């Protein structure tokens, strides 16, 4: 059984990745370490070719990637369910998992078979038409699991006849898609040093791409590529270079002064040296893949320790950055850092999206966009990662960038965002990007402590202010101008994900259990369903026998303590 810890301040420190070190028993109340597949009937054998994966953006029958396609647009290309008939949408089936804990999975659907994950790295294969189970894989955890923000898992990847899963004890496993049996297993990182996995892998051209959690533990982050057939390591890119100092940037991506004491930092560098070995820089979410340029784009999380910059002088490259690599070799192509020397935990976590955008001269260029915890959507030129524009702020911003103090300094946004890890979506026909946001005022407290060796290392705390309003919103941004097109407020902070469709709809869920469809043009709520637990997972859509379905997980969220559940719910209109 994993080591068990409980951080008493969980209810108070509702910030990114300040949850608890918790064992499987502490959450689920059951032993779930069997490491085998429970078999119902065998699933149909899939044959997911690279051509299918590459053409997923036009495939309305399947949902082959966690974020829909390699560009990560989360734009579903069919419109059987649309603004005219979405009010008739109803439950087609509900599947209840064995694990009643936070659900952040995006269902993957291929030829009528659905693959979903739960907390503690379980995988289910389901009949996507009826919700009946084919098989259930229960990962056998190692003796130690170390994770900051809940035992979540965000989904699987699929290629050929294999399903790929990243696990809480920092492994990458390949399963037989027909039976759920284990084919191979590779160690991605060392859990004793703080490494864990909650992200979904990405498979492309025979490689399985995976990043790592652990930015709160003094790790050195990375992205790795493994051979999909054998599990052997193909390449590794360290998100923290040996020279992490950078250019001593004094302003953030929007041009605001971050109040850095460069003189003090340079003195610390001379005394302490480069902190690259324990500087954090986890990669929480999938990379986007540009097949034309043969490059990937991903974002890198916060430095360690989160709030104490005194012992990590410099810009702390490549934390809080968009980074691009060559797909074949893993070699650096370009980067853009949003916040240098971050001491607010406003790291880059929401997966980037590839879409054509207008540059400053109005010329259409290949772009990449990212939704930040600052509350801005950033629009980049894909060729060199340079920033074209940033959007209007989608959440209140106050006292930026006040420095953390021992007593606590108030700043908005709080450490949860803005846009947290929640994937965004786009409607390329409208030129809109859609994001869900958190408004959660916090105070930032600093307390310098030495590297604790694989234990939580925040360098202080970020605390929710109970007397102040906490809320959220759904926002549409014109990514060619940066202007907000529409915004709908929600009563609770939003975390989970969002999906747009060719039917003119946008789907997303709330922590209070409501799952809603919005008009993509103006934000009008067209349909709602009460799921009974927090809908804090990204939706997906697919079609079987000419009928479109929308599917989402309702299991709540550890980070914001939304009501837990264990339902996978599919909807249709007839």
Protein backbone atom coordinates (compact mmCIF):
# COMPACT_ATOMS: atom_id res chain seq x y z
CA UNK A 1 0.00 0.00 0.00
CA UNK A 2 1.22 3.49 -0.80
CA UNK A 3 2.50 5.80 1.89
CA UNK A 4 -0.39 7.77 3.38
CA UNK A 5 -0.30 11.43 4.34
CA UNK A 6 -3.05 13.97 4.94
CA UNK A 7 -2.44 17.68 4.62
CA UNK A 8 -4.78 19.30 7.12
CA UNK A 9 -4.98 22.59 5.26
CA UNK A 10 -6.65 21.06 2.17
CA UNK A 11 -9.86 22.96 2.79
CA UNK A 12 -7.89 26.16 3.16
CA UNK A 13 -5.21 25.80 0.51
CA UNK A 14 -7.40 25.32 -2.54
CA UNK A 15 -4.62 26.24 -4.88
CA UNK A 16 -3.06 24.45 -7.79
CA UNK A 17 -1.60 21.21 -6.54
CA UNK A 18 -1.70 21.93 -2.82
CA UNK A 19 -3.83 18.96 -1.97
CA UNK A 20 -2.74 15.90 -0.05
CA UNK A 21 -0.37 13.01 -0.39
CA UNK A 22 -3.02 10.31 -0.18
CA UNK A 23 -3.00 6.58 -0.62
CA UNK A 24 -5.57 4.58 -2.51
CA UNK A 25 -7.12 3.50 0.77
CA UNK A 26 -7.45 7.05 2.05
CA UNK A 27 -9.56 8.05 -0.93
CA UNK A 28 -11.44 4.99 -2.07
CA UNK A 29 -11.79 3.00 1.10
CA UNK A 30 -10.96 -0.17 -0.78
CA UNK A 31 -8.00 -2.22 -1.94
CA UNK A 32 -7.49 -1.53 -5.66
CA UNK A 33 -4.05 -2.88 -6.37
CA UNK A 34 -4.90 -6.09 -8.20
CA UNK A 35 -3.06 -5.09 -11.39
CA UNK A 36 -5.25 -7.17 -13.68
CA UNK A 37 -8.19 -6.87 -16.05
CA UNK A 38 -11.66 -8.01 -15.08
CA UNK A 39 -13.17 -9.50 -18.21
CA UNK A 40 -16.74 -9.23 -19.34
CA UNK A 41 -17.08 -10.00 -23.01
CA UNK A 42 -14.06 -9.31 -25.21
CA UNK A 43 -14.12 -5.93 -26.89
CA UNK A 44 -13.96 -5.75 -30.67
CA UNK A 45 -10.33 -5.58 -31.75
CA UNK A 46 -9.52 -2.02 -32.85
CA UNK A 47 -7.10 -1.15 -35.61
CA UNK A 48 -6.25 2.50 -35.08
CA UNK A 49 -3.81 3.46 -37.82
CA UNK A 50 -1.64 6.55 -37.93
CA UNK A 51 -3.80 7.78 -40.80
CA UNK A 52 -6.86 7.57 -38.53
CA UNK A 53 -5.08 9.45 -35.75
CA UNK A 54 -3.84 12.10 -38.21
CA UNK A 55 -7.32 12.59 -39.69
CA UNK A 56 -9.19 12.68 -36.40
CA UNK A 57 -10.27 16.30 -36.89
CA UNK A 58 -12.65 15.16 -39.67
CA UNK A 59 -13.81 11.90 -38.04
CA UNK A 60 -17.29 12.28 -36.55
CA UNK A 61 -17.71 8.59 -35.73
CA UNK A 62 -14.81 8.46 -33.27
CA UNK A 63 -13.10 10.58 -30.62
CA UNK A 64 -9.52 9.34 -30.95
CA UNK A 65 -7.54 11.86 -28.89
CA UNK A 66 -8.02 13.28 -25.42
CA UNK A 67 -8.48 16.70 -26.98
CA UNK A 68 -10.13 15.51 -30.16
CA UNK A 69 -7.20 15.68 -32.58
CA UNK A 70 -3.49 16.45 -32.71
CA UNK A 71 -4.25 20.19 -32.92
CA UNK A 72 -6.22 19.83 -29.65
CA UNK A 73 -9.11 21.98 -30.89
CA UNK A 74 -11.74 19.82 -29.13
CA UNK A 75 -13.99 20.78 -32.07
CA UNK A 76 -16.37 17.94 -32.98
CA UNK A 77 -17.05 18.10 -36.73
CA UNK A 78 -20.66 16.80 -36.91
CA UNK A 79 -23.88 18.69 -36.27
CA UNK A 80 -26.70 16.18 -35.85
CA UNK A 81 -27.10 17.64 -32.36
CA UNK A 82 -27.40 21.40 -32.92
CA UNK A 83 -28.92 24.60 -31.66
CA UNK A 84 -32.36 23.58 -32.99
CA UNK A 85 -32.66 20.18 -31.31
CA UNK A 86 -30.28 20.18 -28.33
CA UNK A 87 -33.23 20.90 -26.03
CA UNK A 88 -34.38 17.31 -26.76
CA UNK A 89 -31.11 15.78 -25.59
CA UNK A 90 -31.59 13.05 -22.97
CA UNK A 91 -29.65 10.28 -21.25
CA UNK A 92 -28.83 7.34 -23.51
CA UNK A 93 -27.01 5.33 -20.82
CA UNK A 94 -25.08 5.68 -17.55
CA UNK A 95 -22.12 3.55 -16.50
CA UNK A 96 -21.01 3.54 -12.87
CA UNK A 97 -17.34 2.87 -12.17
CA UNK A 98 -16.06 0.99 -9.13
CA UNK A 99 -14.11 4.05 -7.93
CA UNK A 100 -16.12 6.90 -6.44
CA UNK A 101 -13.55 9.66 -6.60
CA UNK A 102 -12.70 12.63 -8.79
CA UNK A 103 -13.22 12.00 -12.51
CA UNK A 104 -11.18 14.04 -15.00
CA UNK A 105 -11.17 11.55 -17.88
CA UNK A 106 -11.94 12.35 -21.48
CA UNK A 107 -13.58 9.29 -23.08
CA UNK A 108 -11.76 7.91 -26.11
CA UNK A 109 -14.08 6.28 -28.67
CA UNK A 110 -13.05 4.02 -31.55
CA UNK A 111 -15.47 2.01 -33.70
CA UNK A 112 -18.11 1.79 -31.00
CA UNK A 113 -15.77 1.04 -28.09
CA UNK A 114 -15.18 3.64 -25.38
CA UNK A 115 -12.16 3.77 -23.07
CA UNK A 116 -12.38 5.77 -19.83
CA UNK A 117 -10.19 6.11 -16.76
CA UNK A 118 -10.79 6.86 -13.09
CA UNK A 119 -8.73 8.02 -10.16
CA UNK A 120 -6.03 5.55 -9.14
CA UNK A 121 -5.32 4.66 -12.77
CA UNK A 122 -8.20 2.31 -13.58
CA UNK A 123 -9.28 1.79 -17.21
CA UNK A 124 -12.66 0.62 -18.47
CA UNK A 125 -13.60 -0.50 -21.97
CA UNK A 126 -17.30 0.05 -22.65
CA UNK A 127 -19.82 -0.48 -25.41
CA UNK A 128 -20.28 3.12 -26.53
CA UNK A 129 -23.84 2.42 -27.72
CA UNK A 130 -25.16 0.75 -24.57
CA UNK A 131 -22.69 1.52 -21.77
CA UNK A 132 -22.08 -2.17 -21.05
CA UNK A 133 -18.58 -3.08 -19.82
CA UNK A 134 -16.15 -5.16 -21.86
CA UNK A 135 -13.24 -5.11 -19.38
CA UNK A 136 -11.81 -3.26 -16.40
CA UNK A 137 -8.06 -2.86 -15.76
CA UNK A 138 -6.94 -2.16 -12.18
CA UNK A 139 -3.37 -0.96 -12.04
CA UNK A 140 -1.15 -2.46 -9.36
CA UNK A 141 0.36 0.50 -7.55
CA UNK A 142 3.95 0.45 -6.37
CA UNK A 143 4.80 0.85 -2.68
CA UNK A 144 4.99 4.66 -2.93
CA UNK A 145 2.74 7.15 -4.67
CA UNK A 146 3.43 10.86 -4.22
CA UNK A 147 0.94 13.31 -5.67
CA UNK A 148 -0.17 16.78 -4.81
CA UNK A 149 -3.63 17.34 -6.24
CA UNK A 150 -5.68 14.18 -6.05
CA UNK A 151 -5.31 10.68 -7.52
CA UNK A 152 -6.73 11.80 -10.86
CA UNK A 153 -6.27 10.35 -14.32
CA UNK A 154 -7.17 12.27 -17.47
CA UNK A 155 -7.49 9.44 -19.98
CA UNK A 156 -5.75 7.03 -22.31
CA UNK A 157 -4.25 7.10 -25.78
CA UNK A 158 -4.86 4.43 -28.39
CA UNK A 159 -2.94 3.26 -31.44
CA UNK A 160 -3.04 0.02 -33.45
CA UNK A 161 -4.49 -2.51 -30.98
CA UNK A 162 -2.99 -0.98 -27.82
CA UNK A 163 -4.31 1.31 -25.10
CA UNK A 164 -1.70 3.44 -23.30
CA UNK A 165 -2.10 4.58 -19.70
CA UNK A 166 0.10 6.75 -17.46
CA UNK A 167 -0.21 5.82 -13.78
CA UNK A 168 -0.14 7.52 -10.42
CA UNK A 169 3.06 5.68 -9.46
CA UNK A 170 4.83 7.17 -12.50
CA UNK A 171 4.61 4.28 -14.96
CA UNK A 172 3.54 4.05 -18.58
CA UNK A 173 1.69 0.86 -19.45
CA UNK A 174 0.44 -0.63 -22.71
CA UNK A 175 -2.73 -2.74 -22.60
CA UNK A 176 -4.33 -5.06 -25.11
CA UNK A 177 -7.32 -3.03 -26.35
CA UNK A 178 -9.43 -6.19 -26.74
CA UNK A 179 -8.87 -7.75 -23.32
CA UNK A 180 -7.20 -5.14 -21.09
CA UNK A 181 -4.26 -7.43 -20.39
CA UNK A 182 -0.86 -5.86 -19.71
CA UNK A 183 1.54 -5.92 -22.68
CA UNK A 184 4.44 -3.86 -21.34
CA UNK A 185 5.30 -1.42 -18.58
CA UNK A 186 7.93 1.33 -18.38
CA UNK A 187 9.02 3.46 -15.42
CA UNK A 188 8.64 7.14 -16.31
CA UNK A 189 9.97 8.69 -13.09
CA UNK A 190 10.81 7.90 -9.47
CA UNK A 191 7.82 8.34 -7.11
CA UNK A 192 10.16 8.66 -4.13
CA UNK A 193 11.46 11.90 -5.64
CA UNK A 194 7.94 13.26 -6.21
CA UNK A 195 7.20 12.10 -9.77
CA UNK A 196 3.67 10.94 -10.65
CA UNK A 197 1.41 10.76 -13.69
CA UNK A 198 -2.14 11.99 -14.11
CA UNK A 199 -2.01 13.17 -17.73
CA UNK A 200 -3.10 11.17 -20.75
CA UNK A 201 -0.35 10.04 -23.13
CA UNK A 202 -0.19 11.06 -26.79
CA UNK A 203 0.71 8.56 -29.54
CA UNK A 204 2.15 9.70 -32.86
CA UNK A 205 4.33 7.99 -35.48
CA UNK A 206 5.09 5.02 -33.24
CA UNK A 207 6.02 7.12 -30.21
CA UNK A 208 4.18 7.55 -26.92
CA UNK A 209 4.72 11.06 -25.52
CA UNK A 210 4.40 11.71 -21.80
CA UNK A 211 5.30 14.50 -19.40
CA UNK A 212 5.33 14.38 -15.61
CA UNK A 213 3.72 15.79 -12.48
CA UNK A 214 5.82 16.78 -9.50
CA UNK A 215 6.51 20.51 -9.79
CA UNK A 216 5.63 20.87 -6.10
CA UNK A 217 8.29 18.36 -5.03
CA UNK A 218 11.56 19.74 -6.33
CA UNK A 219 11.73 17.42 -9.36
CA UNK A 220 13.42 18.23 -12.64
CA UNK A 221 10.63 18.07 -15.21
CA UNK A 222 10.71 16.42 -18.62
CA UNK A 223 8.86 15.19 -21.67
CA UNK A 224 9.74 11.65 -22.78
CA UNK A 225 9.02 9.63 -25.91
CA UNK A 226 8.72 5.85 -25.67
CA UNK A 227 8.56 3.28 -28.46
CA UNK A 228 4.91 2.26 -28.74
CA UNK A 229 5.73 -1.36 -29.55
CA UNK A 230 8.38 -2.06 -26.92
CA UNK A 231 8.18 0.64 -24.25
CA UNK A 232 11.84 1.57 -24.72
CA UNK A 233 12.83 5.20 -24.23
CA UNK A 234 13.34 6.99 -27.56
CA UNK A 235 14.27 10.47 -26.30
CA UNK A 236 13.99 12.80 -23.31
CA UNK A 237 13.77 16.58 -23.13
CA UNK A 238 14.42 18.17 -19.74
CA UNK A 239 12.08 21.11 -19.19
CA UNK A 240 14.72 22.63 -16.91
CA UNK A 241 18.00 23.26 -18.79
CA UNK A 242 21.30 23.21 -16.94
CA UNK A 243 21.45 26.96 -17.52
CA UNK A 244 18.04 28.00 -16.25
CA UNK A 245 18.88 31.66 -15.58
CA UNK A 246 17.55 33.19 -18.80
CA UNK A 247 17.63 36.92 -19.54
CA UNK A 248 16.63 38.34 -16.13
CA UNK A 249 13.23 39.40 -17.46
CA UNK A 250 11.54 42.05 -15.35
CA UNK A 251 8.12 42.13 -17.04
CA UNK A 252 5.52 39.45 -17.77
CA UNK A 253 4.10 38.60 -21.21
CA UNK A 254 1.63 41.49 -20.97
CA UNK A 255 4.33 44.05 -20.16
CA UNK A 256 3.68 44.46 -16.44
CA UNK A 257 6.52 44.84 -13.93
CA UNK A 258 6.89 41.70 -11.77
CA UNK A 259 8.79 43.56 -9.02
CA UNK A 260 11.86 41.32 -9.16
CA UNK A 261 14.96 42.21 -7.15
CA UNK A 262 17.51 41.32 -9.84
CA UNK A 263 20.46 42.43 -7.73
CA UNK A 264 19.48 40.08 -4.89
CA UNK A 265 18.87 37.23 -7.34
CA UNK A 266 22.29 37.64 -8.94
CA UNK A 267 23.89 37.56 -5.50
CA UNK A 268 21.97 34.37 -4.70
CA UNK A 269 23.09 32.81 -7.98
CA UNK A 270 26.71 33.52 -7.15
CA UNK A 271 26.28 31.93 -3.73
CA UNK A 272 23.97 28.99 -4.51
CA UNK A 273 24.60 28.22 -8.18
CA UNK A 274 22.00 27.28 -10.77
CA UNK A 275 19.02 25.51 -9.13
CA UNK A 276 18.14 23.40 -12.21
CA UNK A 277 18.27 20.00 -10.48
CA UNK A 278 15.30 20.76 -8.20
CA UNK A 279 13.54 23.51 -10.14
CA UNK A 280 10.25 21.72 -10.92
CA UNK A 281 8.79 22.35 -14.35
CA UNK A 282 6.23 19.57 -14.59
CA UNK A 283 4.16 19.03 -17.74
CA UNK A 284 0.55 18.45 -16.76
CA UNK A 285 -1.21 18.11 -20.10
CA UNK A 286 -0.86 16.73 -23.62
CA UNK A 287 1.34 18.29 -26.27
CA UNK A 288 -0.22 19.49 -29.51
CA UNK A 289 1.32 17.88 -32.60
CA UNK A 290 1.96 19.77 -35.84
CA UNK A 291 2.41 16.99 -38.39
CA UNK A 292 3.31 19.42 -41.16
CA UNK A 293 6.31 20.90 -39.34
CA UNK A 294 6.99 17.69 -37.40
CA UNK A 295 6.99 19.60 -34.11
CA UNK A 296 5.16 19.36 -30.81
CA UNK A 297 3.98 22.21 -28.59
CA UNK A 298 3.40 21.93 -24.83
CA UNK A 299 3.35 24.12 -21.75
CA UNK A 300 5.49 23.80 -18.63
CA UNK A 301 4.34 24.25 -15.04
CA UNK A 302 5.63 26.14 -12.03
CA UNK A 303 9.10 26.26 -10.51
CA UNK A 304 9.95 24.64 -7.15
CA UNK A 305 9.53 25.78 -4.47
CA UNK A 306 6.34 27.48 -5.66
CA UNK A 307 6.37 30.67 -3.59
CA UNK A 308 9.95 31.09 -2.47
CA UNK A 309 12.08 32.62 -5.20
CA UNK A 310 15.01 33.46 -2.93
CA UNK A 311 16.67 30.06 -3.45
CA UNK A 312 15.99 29.76 -7.19
CA UNK A 313 17.47 32.89 -8.79
CA UNK A 314 16.97 33.64 -12.48
CA UNK A 315 14.09 33.31 -14.93
CA UNK A 316 13.77 29.60 -14.05
CA UNK A 317 13.60 28.38 -17.65
CA UNK A 318 11.48 26.75 -19.02
CA UNK A 319 8.87 27.02 -16.27
CA UNK A 320 5.65 28.91 -17.08
CA UNK A 321 6.48 28.61 -20.79
CA UNK A 322 5.22 27.42 -24.14
CA UNK A 323 7.87 25.08 -25.59
CA UNK A 324 8.23 23.48 -29.03
CA UNK A 325 10.38 20.45 -29.88
CA UNK A 326 11.25 18.38 -32.94
CA UNK A 327 9.05 15.29 -32.82
CA UNK A 328 11.66 12.83 -34.06
CA UNK A 329 14.56 13.86 -31.83
CA UNK A 330 13.08 15.84 -28.95
CA UNK A 331 15.44 18.72 -29.70
CA UNK A 332 14.47 22.27 -28.73
CA UNK A 333 12.88 24.45 -31.41
CA UNK A 334 11.58 27.55 -29.59
CA UNK A 335 9.90 28.76 -26.43
CA UNK A 336 8.05 31.71 -24.93
CA UNK A 337 8.00 32.37 -21.17
CA UNK A 338 4.83 33.97 -19.79
CA UNK A 339 6.05 34.62 -16.25
CA UNK A 340 9.75 34.59 -15.36
CA UNK A 341 10.70 33.63 -11.80
CA UNK A 342 7.07 32.85 -10.89
CA UNK A 343 6.34 33.16 -7.15
CA UNK A 344 2.53 32.95 -7.44
CA UNK A 345 2.00 29.43 -8.88
CA UNK A 346 0.40 30.93 -11.99
CA UNK A 347 1.97 28.26 -14.17
CA UNK A 348 1.07 27.17 -17.68
CA UNK A 349 -1.11 24.04 -17.53
CA UNK A 350 -4.03 24.14 -20.00
CA UNK A 351 -3.05 22.28 -23.21
CA UNK A 352 -2.14 24.46 -26.22
CA UNK A 353 -4.27 24.52 -29.37
CA UNK A 354 -3.02 24.76 -32.96
CA UNK A 355 -5.17 26.96 -35.18
CA UNK A 356 -4.60 29.47 -37.96
CA UNK A 357 -4.67 33.04 -36.62
CA UNK A 358 -4.25 36.59 -37.88
CA UNK A 359 -0.95 38.23 -37.02
CA UNK A 360 -0.55 41.89 -36.10
CA UNK A 361 -0.74 42.86 -39.79
CA UNK A 362 -3.88 40.84 -40.40
CA UNK A 363 -2.04 38.08 -42.28
CA UNK A 364 -3.21 34.51 -41.56
CA UNK A 365 -0.37 32.45 -40.07
CA UNK A 366 -0.07 29.09 -38.28
CA UNK A 367 -0.81 29.88 -34.66
CA UNK A 368 -0.80 28.27 -31.24
CA UNK A 369 -2.96 29.51 -28.38
CA UNK A 370 -2.85 28.86 -24.64
CA UNK A 371 -5.21 29.78 -21.82
CA UNK A 372 -3.26 31.01 -18.79
CA UNK A 373 -3.98 30.98 -15.09
CA UNK A 374 -3.50 34.74 -15.36
CA UNK A 375 -6.88 34.84 -17.11
CA UNK A 376 -5.47 35.73 -20.55
CA UNK A 377 -5.56 33.70 -23.73
CA UNK A 378 -2.17 34.02 -25.41
CA UNK A 379 -1.89 33.85 -29.22
CA UNK A 380 1.49 32.86 -30.71
CA UNK A 381 3.12 32.46 -34.09
CA UNK A 382 3.75 28.74 -34.43
CA UNK A 383 6.97 29.21 -36.40
CA UNK A 384 9.01 30.82 -33.63
CA UNK A 385 6.70 30.78 -30.54
CA UNK A 386 6.61 34.60 -30.54
CA UNK A 387 3.60 36.30 -28.96
CA UNK A 388 1.17 37.95 -31.37
CA UNK A 389 -1.39 39.15 -28.81
CA UNK A 390 -3.03 38.39 -25.50
CA UNK A 391 -6.73 38.59 -24.79
CA UNK A 392 -8.70 40.80 -22.47
CA UNK A 393 -8.54 39.46 -18.93
CA UNK A 394 -11.30 36.89 -18.42
CA UNK A 395 -11.15 37.17 -14.60
CA UNK A 396 -10.53 40.06 -12.19
CA UNK A 397 -6.90 41.08 -11.76
CA UNK A 398 -5.79 43.07 -8.72
CA UNK A 399 -2.39 43.88 -7.16
CA UNK A 400 -0.41 42.12 -9.89
CA UNK A 401 2.42 41.28 -9.25
CA UNK A 402 2.54 41.83 -5.48
CA UNK A 403 5.26 39.72 -3.84
CA UNK A 404 4.33 37.04 -1.28
CA UNK A 405 5.03 37.91 2.36
CA UNK A 406 5.14 35.94 5.59
CA UNK A 407 1.86 37.52 6.71
CA UNK A 408 0.23 37.04 3.30
CA UNK A 409 -0.22 39.38 0.34
CA UNK A 410 -3.52 39.52 -1.53
CA UNK A 411 -3.45 39.25 -5.33
CA UNK A 412 -5.88 38.29 -8.05
CA UNK A 413 -5.92 35.87 -9.76
CA UNK A 414 -5.39 33.33 -7.03
CA UNK A 415 -3.13 30.35 -7.63
CA UNK A 416 -5.89 28.28 -9.27
CA UNK A 417 -6.42 30.70 -12.17
CA UNK A 418 -7.90 31.89 -14.57
CA UNK A 419 -7.71 28.84 -16.73
CA UNK A 420 -6.45 25.91 -14.67
CA UNK A 421 -5.54 22.58 -16.32
CA UNK A 422 -8.95 22.67 -18.04
CA UNK A 423 -8.62 22.15 -21.84
CA UNK A 424 -10.04 24.94 -23.98
CA UNK A 425 -11.81 24.51 -27.33
CA UNK A 426 -12.19 26.55 -30.52
CA UNK A 427 -14.78 27.05 -33.22
CA UNK A 428 -12.65 27.91 -36.29
CA UNK A 429 -15.72 29.01 -38.25
CA UNK A 430 -16.41 31.75 -35.72
CA UNK A 431 -12.78 32.41 -34.80
CA UNK A 432 -13.64 31.93 -31.13
CA UNK A 433 -11.71 30.19 -28.36
CA UNK A 434 -13.75 29.05 -25.36
CA UNK A 435 -12.38 28.80 -21.83
CA UNK A 436 -13.72 28.04 -18.39
CA UNK A 437 -12.27 30.16 -15.59
CA UNK A 438 -11.87 30.40 -11.82
CA UNK A 439 -12.22 33.49 -9.66
CA UNK A 440 -10.79 32.59 -6.26
CA UNK A 441 -9.12 35.43 -4.30
CA UNK A 442 -6.10 34.31 -2.29
CA UNK A 443 -3.31 35.55 -0.11
CA UNK A 444 0.27 34.49 -0.88
CA UNK A 445 2.51 33.56 2.06
CA UNK A 446 6.24 32.84 1.78
CA UNK A 447 8.29 30.69 4.15
CA UNK A 448 11.76 29.64 3.06
CA UNK A 449 12.64 25.98 3.62
CA UNK A 450 15.44 23.82 2.17
CA UNK A 451 14.80 21.09 -0.40
CA UNK A 452 13.07 18.27 1.55
CA UNK A 453 13.92 15.41 -0.81
CA UNK A 454 10.77 14.16 -2.51
CA UNK A 455 8.29 15.82 -0.17
CA UNK A 456 5.90 18.70 -0.77
CA UNK A 457 7.92 21.90 -1.19
CA UNK A 458 5.75 24.98 -1.58
CA UNK A 459 7.97 27.53 0.14
CA UNK A 460 4.88 28.88 1.86
CA UNK A 461 1.15 28.70 1.17
CA UNK A 462 -1.61 30.26 -0.87
CA UNK A 463 -4.84 30.62 1.05
CA UNK A 464 -8.38 31.20 -0.10
CA UNK A 465 -10.00 34.25 1.48
CA UNK A 466 -13.27 32.85 2.94
CA UNK A 467 -14.95 36.26 3.15
CA UNK A 468 -14.56 36.96 -0.56
CA UNK A 469 -16.71 35.71 -3.41
CA UNK A 470 -15.56 32.63 -5.31
CA UNK A 471 -17.09 32.14 -8.74
CA UNK A 472 -16.37 31.20 -12.33
CA UNK A 473 -17.29 31.87 -15.92
CA UNK A 474 -17.51 30.48 -19.42
CA UNK A 475 -15.86 32.87 -21.87
CA UNK A 476 -15.66 33.14 -25.65
CA UNK A 477 -12.69 35.10 -26.99
CA UNK A 478 -12.10 36.23 -30.57
CA UNK A 479 -8.54 34.97 -30.96
CA UNK A 480 -7.92 37.24 -33.96
CA UNK A 481 -8.55 40.39 -31.90
CA UNK A 482 -8.17 39.29 -28.27
CA UNK A 483 -11.58 40.73 -27.41
CA UNK A 484 -14.15 38.90 -25.29
CA UNK A 485 -17.13 38.00 -27.48
CA UNK A 486 -19.35 36.82 -24.64
CA UNK A 487 -19.12 35.66 -21.05
CA UNK A 488 -21.50 33.74 -18.77
CA UNK A 489 -20.91 33.80 -15.02
CA UNK A 490 -21.23 30.64 -12.92
CA UNK A 491 -21.81 30.43 -9.15
CA UNK A 492 -18.69 28.33 -8.49
CA UNK A 493 -15.14 28.34 -9.86
CA UNK A 494 -14.96 26.35 -13.10
CA UNK A 495 -12.58 23.44 -13.61
CA UNK A 496 -12.80 20.51 -16.03
CA UNK A 497 -12.97 21.19 -19.75
CA UNK A 498 -15.08 22.33 -22.67
CA UNK A 499 -16.00 21.18 -26.19
CA UNK A 500 -17.36 23.00 -29.24
CA UNK A 501 -19.24 21.32 -32.10
CA UNK A 502 -20.12 22.05 -35.70
CA UNK A 503 -23.73 22.15 -34.53
CA UNK A 504 -23.08 25.60 -33.08
CA UNK A 505 -22.86 24.36 -29.51
CA UNK A 506 -20.44 24.52 -26.60
CA UNK A 507 -20.66 21.90 -23.82
CA UNK A 508 -19.19 22.17 -20.33
CA UNK A 509 -20.00 21.18 -16.77
CA UNK A 510 -19.93 22.76 -13.31
CA UNK A 511 -18.90 21.64 -9.83
CA UNK A 512 -22.52 21.83 -8.66
CA UNK A 513 -23.47 19.00 -11.04
CA UNK A 514 -24.93 20.98 -13.95
CA UNK A 515 -23.88 19.98 -17.46
CA UNK A 516 -24.93 22.58 -20.02
CA UNK A 517 -25.02 23.34 -23.73
CA UNK A 518 -24.43 26.94 -24.78
CA UNK A 519 -25.02 28.68 -28.09
CA UNK A 520 -21.51 29.09 -29.48
CA UNK A 521 -22.32 32.52 -30.97
CA UNK A 522 -23.80 34.31 -27.95
CA UNK A 523 -23.49 32.10 -24.86
CA UNK A 524 -27.22 31.51 -24.38
CA UNK A 525 -27.89 28.38 -22.31
CA UNK A 526 -29.88 26.00 -24.53
CA UNK A 527 -29.96 22.81 -22.41
CA UNK A 528 -29.04 21.67 -18.90
CA UNK A 529 -28.80 18.38 -17.03
CA UNK A 530 -28.21 17.78 -13.32
CA UNK A 531 -25.67 14.94 -12.97
CA UNK A 532 -25.72 14.61 -9.18
CA UNK A 533 -21.96 15.09 -8.80
CA UNK A 534 -19.44 17.62 -10.03
CA UNK A 535 -19.04 17.61 -13.82
CA UNK A 536 -15.34 18.43 -13.79
CA UNK A 537 -14.15 16.49 -16.82
CA UNK A 538 -13.86 17.44 -20.51
CA UNK A 539 -16.78 16.24 -22.68
CA UNK A 540 -16.46 14.22 -25.90
CA UNK A 541 -18.77 13.32 -28.79
CA UNK A 542 -19.07 10.48 -31.28
CA UNK A 543 -21.56 8.76 -33.60
CA UNK A 544 -22.76 5.15 -33.93
CA UNK A 545 -25.14 3.94 -36.66
CA UNK A 546 -25.78 7.53 -37.69
CA UNK A 547 -26.69 8.70 -34.18
CA UNK A 548 -24.63 11.35 -32.38
CA UNK A 549 -23.82 11.06 -28.69
CA UNK A 550 -22.29 13.47 -26.19
CA UNK A 551 -20.52 11.89 -23.21
CA UNK A 552 -19.05 13.27 -19.99
CA UNK A 553 -17.84 11.99 -16.62
CA UNK A 554 -19.46 13.21 -13.39
CA UNK A 555 -17.21 12.48 -10.44
CA UNK A 556 -16.33 15.80 -8.83
CA UNK A 557 -12.92 17.28 -8.14
CA UNK A 558 -10.36 16.99 -5.32
CA UNK A 559 -8.74 20.36 -5.88
CA UNK A 560 -11.93 22.36 -5.30
CA UNK A 561 -13.64 19.66 -3.22
CA UNK A 562 -16.65 19.30 -5.51
CA UNK A 563 -19.10 16.46 -4.85
CA UNK A 564 -17.69 13.06 -5.79
CA UNK A 565 -19.39 10.51 -8.01
CA UNK A 566 -18.68 7.63 -10.35
CA UNK A 567 -20.85 8.11 -13.44
CA UNK A 568 -20.02 8.13 -17.14
CA UNK A 569 -23.10 9.61 -18.83
CA UNK A 570 -23.91 9.48 -22.56
CA UNK A 571 -26.63 11.63 -24.12
CA UNK A 572 -28.44 11.66 -27.45
CA UNK A 573 -31.49 13.33 -28.99
CA UNK A 574 -33.70 10.47 -30.20
